[in-house]
Structures are given as C-alpha cells and as structure tokens.
C-alpha cells in the first residue's frame, strides 16, 4: 500500500510518499510525477520519502529517473537515507538539500 500526496507550495511542489514503493504502486508514482511535472512550472519538485518503508527494484529505478529529471529526494532513517545517498552516486542530478 502507498499513499501519494501532492503538496503545492509557493516555491516548490512536494510529492509525499507513505508506505511501500513497490509493485503496481511504482506506476502510480510515475503517473503522479508526470502529472505534477506538467503543472509545476519553474518550481522545483521535492520527493518526500521520509515515510517510505520499502522500495523494490522498479521503485529504485523510478527514483533514479526522477532524480535525473531534477527531483530533490528527501529521506530519513537509515535505509532510505542510504538509498538516497546511493542515488546521488549512481544517478546524476541536483544536490538534495539538507
């Protein structure tokens, strides 16, 4: 199960994920990303992974694509923080703000 919330803010758009980024949910996140990308204009996209528990292979690939597309990945906890660090090493893109 995964909850996807789009949170437009004046200076950014936050796409918040809660649950497991796996299976059919990867397609749902991709569709949300594409829909959000079409309305964000000049605002950066922040992908909030602080409440994600698990990411499968397809989910990791999508996160890499999103990072290459300019998304800033925000994580907490050991597993998600390590995943984001790995994304920085393997997928070029903007630096994730602290």
Protein backbone atom coordinates (compact mmCIF):
# COMPACT_ATOMS: atom_id res chain seq x y z
CA UNK A 1 0.00 0.00 0.00
CA UNK A 2 1.20 3.50 -0.80
CA UNK A 3 -0.26 6.94 -0.20
CA UNK A 4 0.72 9.67 -2.65
CA UNK A 5 0.07 13.30 -1.73
CA UNK A 6 0.82 16.32 -3.92
CA UNK A 7 1.50 19.39 -1.80
CA UNK A 8 1.85 22.57 -3.90
CA UNK A 9 3.75 25.34 -2.12
CA UNK A 10 4.61 28.82 -3.43
CA UNK A 11 8.29 27.97 -4.02
CA UNK A 12 8.13 24.20 -4.67
CA UNK A 13 5.92 21.19 -5.18
CA UNK A 14 6.26 18.36 -2.73
CA UNK A 15 5.28 14.83 -3.71
CA UNK A 16 4.96 12.90 -0.45
CA UNK A 17 5.02 9.10 -0.44
CA UNK A 18 3.92 6.97 2.53
CA UNK A 19 4.19 3.18 2.54
CA UNK A 20 5.87 0.78 0.12
CA UNK A 21 7.11 1.92 -3.28
CA UNK A 22 6.79 -1.42 -4.99
CA UNK A 23 4.75 -3.39 -7.50
CA UNK A 24 1.87 -1.55 -9.15
CA UNK A 25 2.46 1.47 -6.91
CA UNK A 26 5.56 2.33 -8.93
CA UNK A 27 3.32 3.04 -11.94
CA UNK A 28 1.05 5.18 -9.76
CA UNK A 29 4.01 7.26 -8.59
CA UNK A 30 5.25 7.65 -12.15
CA UNK A 31 1.83 8.89 -13.27
CA UNK A 32 1.68 11.31 -10.32
CA UNK A 33 5.18 12.55 -11.16
CA UNK A 34 4.28 13.18 -14.79
CA UNK A 35 1.04 14.95 -13.83
CA UNK A 36 2.84 17.05 -11.21
CA UNK A 37 5.68 17.87 -13.60
CA UNK A 38 3.21 19.28 -16.13
CA UNK A 39 1.80 21.82 -13.60
CA UNK A 40 4.86 22.78 -11.57
CA UNK A 41 6.26 25.44 -13.91
CA UNK A 42 9.58 26.77 -12.57
CA UNK A 43 9.07 25.35 -9.07
CA UNK A 44 11.40 22.51 -8.09
CA UNK A 45 9.96 19.11 -7.23
CA UNK A 46 10.76 17.64 -3.82
CA UNK A 47 10.10 13.93 -3.42
CA UNK A 48 9.48 13.26 0.28
CA UNK A 49 10.46 9.68 1.12
CA UNK A 50 10.52 10.14 4.90
CA UNK A 51 7.56 7.77 5.39
CA UNK A 52 8.54 5.14 2.80
CA UNK A 53 9.21 1.72 4.33
CA UNK A 54 10.36 -0.32 1.32
CA UNK A 55 11.44 0.30 -2.29
CA UNK A 56 11.70 -2.55 -4.80
CA UNK A 57 13.95 -2.64 -7.89
CA UNK A 58 11.41 -0.89 -10.15
CA UNK A 59 10.88 1.76 -7.46
CA UNK A 60 14.62 2.40 -7.20
CA UNK A 61 14.83 2.77 -10.96
CA UNK A 62 11.95 5.27 -10.96
CA UNK A 63 13.59 7.27 -8.16
CA UNK A 64 16.76 7.40 -10.26
CA UNK A 65 14.83 8.67 -13.27
CA UNK A 66 13.10 11.26 -11.12
CA UNK A 67 16.44 12.41 -9.72
CA UNK A 68 17.84 12.74 -13.24
CA UNK A 69 14.73 14.72 -14.10
CA UNK A 70 15.53 17.24 -11.37
CA UNK A 71 13.62 15.92 -8.37
CA UNK A 72 15.18 16.51 -4.95
CA UNK A 73 14.96 13.34 -2.83
CA UNK A 74 14.27 13.82 0.89
CA UNK A 75 14.74 10.86 3.24
CA UNK A 76 15.06 9.92 6.88
CA UNK A 77 16.03 6.72 8.65
CA UNK A 78 18.96 4.50 7.86
CA UNK A 79 17.53 2.57 4.92
CA UNK A 80 16.02 5.49 3.00
CA UNK A 81 18.97 7.78 3.71
CA UNK A 82 21.35 5.13 2.31
CA UNK A 83 19.13 4.68 -0.73
CA UNK A 84 19.21 8.43 -1.44
CA UNK A 85 22.99 8.50 -0.93
CA UNK A 86 23.33 5.67 -3.43
CA UNK A 87 21.11 7.57 -5.88
CA UNK A 88 23.45 10.56 -5.63
CA UNK A 89 26.41 8.33 -6.54
CA UNK A 90 24.76 6.46 -9.40
CA UNK A 91 22.26 8.92 -10.93
CA UNK A 92 23.34 12.46 -11.80
CA UNK A 93 21.03 15.23 -10.75
CA UNK A 94 20.66 18.20 -8.44
CA UNK A 95 22.03 18.04 -4.93
CA UNK A 96 19.46 17.15 -2.28
CA UNK A 97 19.10 20.00 0.22
CA UNK A 98 19.87 19.26 3.85
